[in-house]
Amino acid sequence: MHEPAEQVAPPDLDIGLPIEQLRPGITTLLGGDRERVQITVDAVNRRGKSFRCRVTGSPTLGAGGAVTGAILRMEVDGESRPSA
């Protein structure tokens, strides 16, 4: 598998999602080593409320099956959801 280009991400998105905790899973996807990863992290919504966030990622494939990127889906982990 090829090595993905090294990119520097900000420490958190403006919603308080800790990008550094997601980096290993994203790197795994971009390296073509797995078809899916799932990571649960502590995050903060735009109103300042803490919650557990489940992030599921899948690689995007181009011509010939080469990995061209990744799609990340984020959702509240658990029964309580932050108010919008």
N, C-alpha and C. Protein backbone atom coordinates (compact mmCIF):
# COMPACT_ATOMS: atom_id res chain seq x y z
N MET A 1 0.83 -1.18 0.00
CA MET A 1 0.00 0.00 0.00
C MET A 1 0.88 1.25 0.00
N HIS A 2 0.37 2.32 -0.56
CA HIS A 2 1.13 3.56 -0.60
C HIS A 2 0.94 4.35 0.68
N GLU A 3 1.89 5.20 0.97
CA GLU A 3 1.82 6.06 2.15
C GLU A 3 1.02 7.31 1.81
N PRO A 4 -0.02 7.66 2.61
CA PRO A 4 -0.76 8.89 2.34
C PRO A 4 0.11 10.11 2.64
N ALA A 5 -0.16 11.20 1.94
CA ALA A 5 0.58 12.43 2.16
C ALA A 5 0.33 12.93 3.58
N GLU A 6 1.37 13.38 4.23
CA GLU A 6 1.25 13.91 5.59
C GLU A 6 0.57 15.27 5.55
N GLN A 7 -0.50 15.42 6.30
CA GLN A 7 -1.21 16.68 6.36
C GLN A 7 -1.37 17.06 7.82
N VAL A 8 -1.28 18.34 8.09
CA VAL A 8 -1.44 18.82 9.45
C VAL A 8 -2.86 19.32 9.61
N ALA A 9 -3.59 18.73 10.56
CA ALA A 9 -4.97 19.13 10.81
C ALA A 9 -5.02 20.03 12.03
N PRO A 10 -6.02 20.91 12.09
CA PRO A 10 -6.18 21.71 13.30
C PRO A 10 -6.50 20.79 14.47
N PRO A 11 -6.20 21.20 15.71
CA PRO A 11 -6.43 20.31 16.85
C PRO A 11 -7.89 19.93 17.04
N ASP A 12 -8.82 20.79 16.74
CA ASP A 12 -10.25 20.51 16.89
C ASP A 12 -11.01 21.27 15.82
N LEU A 13 -12.11 20.69 15.36
CA LEU A 13 -13.01 21.44 14.50
C LEU A 13 -13.78 22.42 15.38
N ASP A 14 -14.45 23.38 14.79
CA ASP A 14 -15.16 24.38 15.58
C ASP A 14 -16.29 23.77 16.41
N ILE A 15 -16.66 22.52 16.15
CA ILE A 15 -17.67 21.85 16.97
C ILE A 15 -17.03 21.09 18.12
N GLY A 16 -15.72 21.20 18.27
CA GLY A 16 -15.05 20.53 19.38
C GLY A 16 -14.77 19.06 19.12
N LEU A 17 -14.57 18.69 17.87
CA LEU A 17 -14.25 17.30 17.53
C LEU A 17 -12.73 17.14 17.51
N PRO A 18 -12.17 16.27 18.36
CA PRO A 18 -10.72 16.14 18.47
C PRO A 18 -10.12 15.38 17.28
N ILE A 19 -9.65 16.12 16.30
CA ILE A 19 -9.12 15.55 15.06
C ILE A 19 -7.95 14.60 15.31
N GLU A 20 -7.07 14.95 16.24
CA GLU A 20 -5.90 14.11 16.49
C GLU A 20 -6.28 12.69 16.89
N GLN A 21 -7.41 12.52 17.57
CA GLN A 21 -7.86 11.18 17.95
C GLN A 21 -8.40 10.40 16.76
N LEU A 22 -8.80 11.10 15.71
CA LEU A 22 -9.33 10.45 14.50
C LEU A 22 -8.22 10.11 13.50
N ARG A 23 -7.09 10.78 13.61
CA ARG A 23 -6.00 10.63 12.63
C ARG A 23 -5.59 9.18 12.37
N PRO A 24 -5.38 8.33 13.40
CA PRO A 24 -4.96 6.94 13.10
C PRO A 24 -5.98 6.18 12.25
N GLY A 25 -7.26 6.36 12.53
CA GLY A 25 -8.29 5.68 11.74
C GLY A 25 -8.35 6.19 10.32
N ILE A 26 -8.22 7.49 10.15
CA ILE A 26 -8.24 8.08 8.80
C ILE A 26 -7.03 7.60 8.01
N THR A 27 -5.88 7.56 8.66
CA THR A 27 -4.66 7.08 8.00
C THR A 27 -4.82 5.63 7.56
N THR A 28 -5.45 4.81 8.40
CA THR A 28 -5.71 3.41 8.05
C THR A 28 -6.59 3.32 6.81
N LEU A 29 -7.64 4.14 6.76
CA LEU A 29 -8.53 4.14 5.59
C LEU A 29 -7.79 4.56 4.33
N LEU A 30 -7.03 5.65 4.42
CA LEU A 30 -6.33 6.17 3.25
C LEU A 30 -5.23 5.24 2.78
N GLY A 31 -4.71 4.42 3.68
CA GLY A 31 -3.68 3.45 3.31
C GLY A 31 -4.26 2.21 2.66
N GLY A 32 -5.59 2.09 2.64
CA GLY A 32 -6.23 0.94 2.02
C GLY A 32 -6.20 -0.32 2.86
N ASP A 33 -5.90 -0.17 4.16
CA ASP A 33 -5.77 -1.33 5.03
C ASP A 33 -7.10 -1.87 5.56
N ARG A 34 -8.15 -1.04 5.56
CA ARG A 34 -9.45 -1.48 6.07
C ARG A 34 -10.56 -0.87 5.24
N GLU A 35 -11.71 -1.54 5.25
CA GLU A 35 -12.87 -1.03 4.52
C GLU A 35 -13.74 -0.12 5.38
N ARG A 36 -13.52 -0.16 6.70
CA ARG A 36 -14.34 0.66 7.59
C ARG A 36 -13.63 0.80 8.93
N VAL A 37 -13.73 1.98 9.53
CA VAL A 37 -13.24 2.18 10.89
C VAL A 37 -14.33 2.89 11.68
N GLN A 38 -14.34 2.63 12.99
CA GLN A 38 -15.29 3.30 13.87
C GLN A 38 -14.55 3.71 15.13
N ILE A 39 -14.67 4.98 15.49
CA ILE A 39 -13.98 5.54 16.65
C ILE A 39 -15.01 6.36 17.44
N THR A 40 -14.98 6.26 18.75
CA THR A 40 -15.85 7.07 19.59
C THR A 40 -14.98 8.01 20.41
N VAL A 41 -15.32 9.30 20.37
CA VAL A 41 -14.53 10.33 21.04
C VAL A 41 -15.44 11.26 21.84
N ASP A 42 -14.85 11.97 22.80
CA ASP A 42 -15.57 13.02 23.51
C ASP A 42 -15.51 14.28 22.66
N ALA A 43 -16.65 14.94 22.48
CA ALA A 43 -16.71 16.15 21.67
C ALA A 43 -17.56 17.19 22.38
N VAL A 44 -17.60 18.39 21.81
CA VAL A 44 -18.39 19.49 22.35
C VAL A 44 -19.20 20.08 21.21
N ASN A 45 -20.53 20.22 21.41
CA ASN A 45 -21.34 20.79 20.34
C ASN A 45 -21.20 22.31 20.30
N ARG A 46 -21.85 22.95 19.35
CA ARG A 46 -21.70 24.40 19.18
C ARG A 46 -22.28 25.22 20.32
N ARG A 47 -23.05 24.57 21.18
CA ARG A 47 -23.60 25.26 22.35
C ARG A 47 -22.78 24.99 23.61
N GLY A 48 -21.68 24.28 23.45
CA GLY A 48 -20.79 24.02 24.57
C GLY A 48 -21.11 22.79 25.38
N LYS A 49 -22.06 21.97 24.93
CA LYS A 49 -22.43 20.76 25.66
C LYS A 49 -21.56 19.59 25.22
N SER A 50 -21.00 18.88 26.19
CA SER A 50 -20.17 17.71 25.89
C SER A 50 -21.04 16.52 25.52
N PHE A 51 -20.54 15.70 24.61
CA PHE A 51 -21.24 14.48 24.23
C PHE A 51 -20.25 13.49 23.65
N ARG A 52 -20.65 12.22 23.59
CA ARG A 52 -19.83 11.18 22.95
C ARG A 52 -20.22 11.16 21.48
N CYS A 53 -19.22 11.17 20.61
CA CYS A 53 -19.45 11.21 19.18
C CYS A 53 -18.85 9.96 18.54
N ARG A 54 -19.69 9.22 17.83
CA ARG A 54 -19.23 8.03 17.11
C ARG A 54 -18.94 8.44 15.67
N VAL A 55 -17.71 8.22 15.24
CA VAL A 55 -17.28 8.58 13.89
C VAL A 55 -17.00 7.28 13.13
N THR A 56 -17.72 7.09 12.02
CA THR A 56 -17.54 5.92 11.18
C THR A 56 -16.96 6.39 9.86
N GLY A 57 -15.91 5.73 9.40
CA GLY A 57 -15.26 6.13 8.16
C GLY A 57 -15.17 4.99 7.17
N SER A 58 -15.28 5.35 5.89
CA SER A 58 -15.12 4.40 4.79
C SER A 58 -14.27 5.06 3.72
N PRO A 59 -13.43 4.29 3.03
CA PRO A 59 -12.64 4.89 1.95
C PRO A 59 -13.49 5.12 0.70
N THR A 60 -13.12 6.12 -0.08
CA THR A 60 -13.71 6.29 -1.40
C THR A 60 -12.72 5.69 -2.39
N LEU A 61 -13.26 5.01 -3.39
CA LEU A 61 -12.42 4.30 -4.36
C LEU A 61 -12.58 4.91 -5.74
N GLY A 62 -11.47 5.03 -6.43
CA GLY A 62 -11.48 5.54 -7.80
C GLY A 62 -11.36 4.40 -8.79
N ALA A 63 -10.97 4.76 -9.99
CA ALA A 63 -10.81 3.77 -11.06
C ALA A 63 -9.80 2.71 -10.63
N GLY A 64 -10.13 1.48 -10.89
CA GLY A 64 -9.23 0.38 -10.55
C GLY A 64 -9.21 0.04 -9.07
N GLY A 65 -10.08 0.65 -8.28
CA GLY A 65 -10.15 0.34 -6.86
C GLY A 65 -9.16 1.06 -5.98
N ALA A 66 -8.44 2.05 -6.53
CA ALA A 66 -7.48 2.81 -5.73
C ALA A 66 -8.21 3.73 -4.75
N VAL A 67 -7.71 3.83 -3.53
CA VAL A 67 -8.29 4.72 -2.52
C VAL A 67 -8.00 6.16 -2.92
N THR A 68 -9.07 6.97 -3.00
CA THR A 68 -8.92 8.37 -3.40
C THR A 68 -9.27 9.35 -2.28
N GLY A 69 -9.82 8.85 -1.19
CA GLY A 69 -10.22 9.71 -0.08
C GLY A 69 -10.99 8.91 0.94
N ALA A 70 -11.68 9.61 1.83
CA ALA A 70 -12.47 8.94 2.86
C ALA A 70 -13.72 9.76 3.15
N ILE A 71 -14.77 9.07 3.54
CA ILE A 71 -16.01 9.71 3.97
C ILE A 71 -16.16 9.41 5.46
N LEU A 72 -16.41 10.46 6.25
CA LEU A 72 -16.61 10.30 7.69
C LEU A 72 -18.05 10.65 8.04
N ARG A 73 -18.66 9.80 8.84
CA ARG A 73 -20.03 10.04 9.31
C ARG A 73 -19.96 10.21 10.82
N MET A 74 -20.51 11.30 11.33
CA MET A 74 -20.48 11.57 12.75
C MET A 74 -21.88 11.55 13.32
N GLU A 75 -22.04 10.89 14.47
CA GLU A 75 -23.35 10.84 15.12
C GLU A 75 -23.16 10.77 16.63
N VAL A 76 -24.19 11.19 17.34
CA VAL A 76 -24.16 11.13 18.79
C VAL A 76 -24.17 9.68 19.20
N ASP A 77 -23.28 9.30 20.10
CA ASP A 77 -23.21 7.93 20.60
C ASP A 77 -24.02 7.85 21.88
N GLY A 78 -25.06 7.08 21.88
CA GLY A 78 -25.91 6.94 23.06
C GLY A 78 -27.31 7.42 22.78
N GLU A 79 -28.13 7.38 23.82
CA GLU A 79 -29.54 7.70 23.65
C GLU A 79 -29.84 9.18 23.70
N SER A 80 -29.09 9.94 24.50
CA SER A 80 -29.39 11.37 24.60
C SER A 80 -28.70 12.12 23.47
N ARG A 81 -29.42 12.99 22.84
CA ARG A 81 -28.89 13.78 21.74
C ARG A 81 -28.88 15.25 22.15
N PRO A 82 -27.83 15.98 21.76
CA PRO A 82 -27.82 17.40 22.09
C PRO A 82 -28.92 18.13 21.33
N SER A 83 -29.49 19.13 21.95
CA SER A 83 -30.53 19.89 21.27
C SER A 83 -29.92 20.75 20.18
N ALA A 84 -30.64 20.93 19.09
CA ALA A 84 -30.13 21.69 17.94
C ALA A 84 -30.24 23.18 18.17
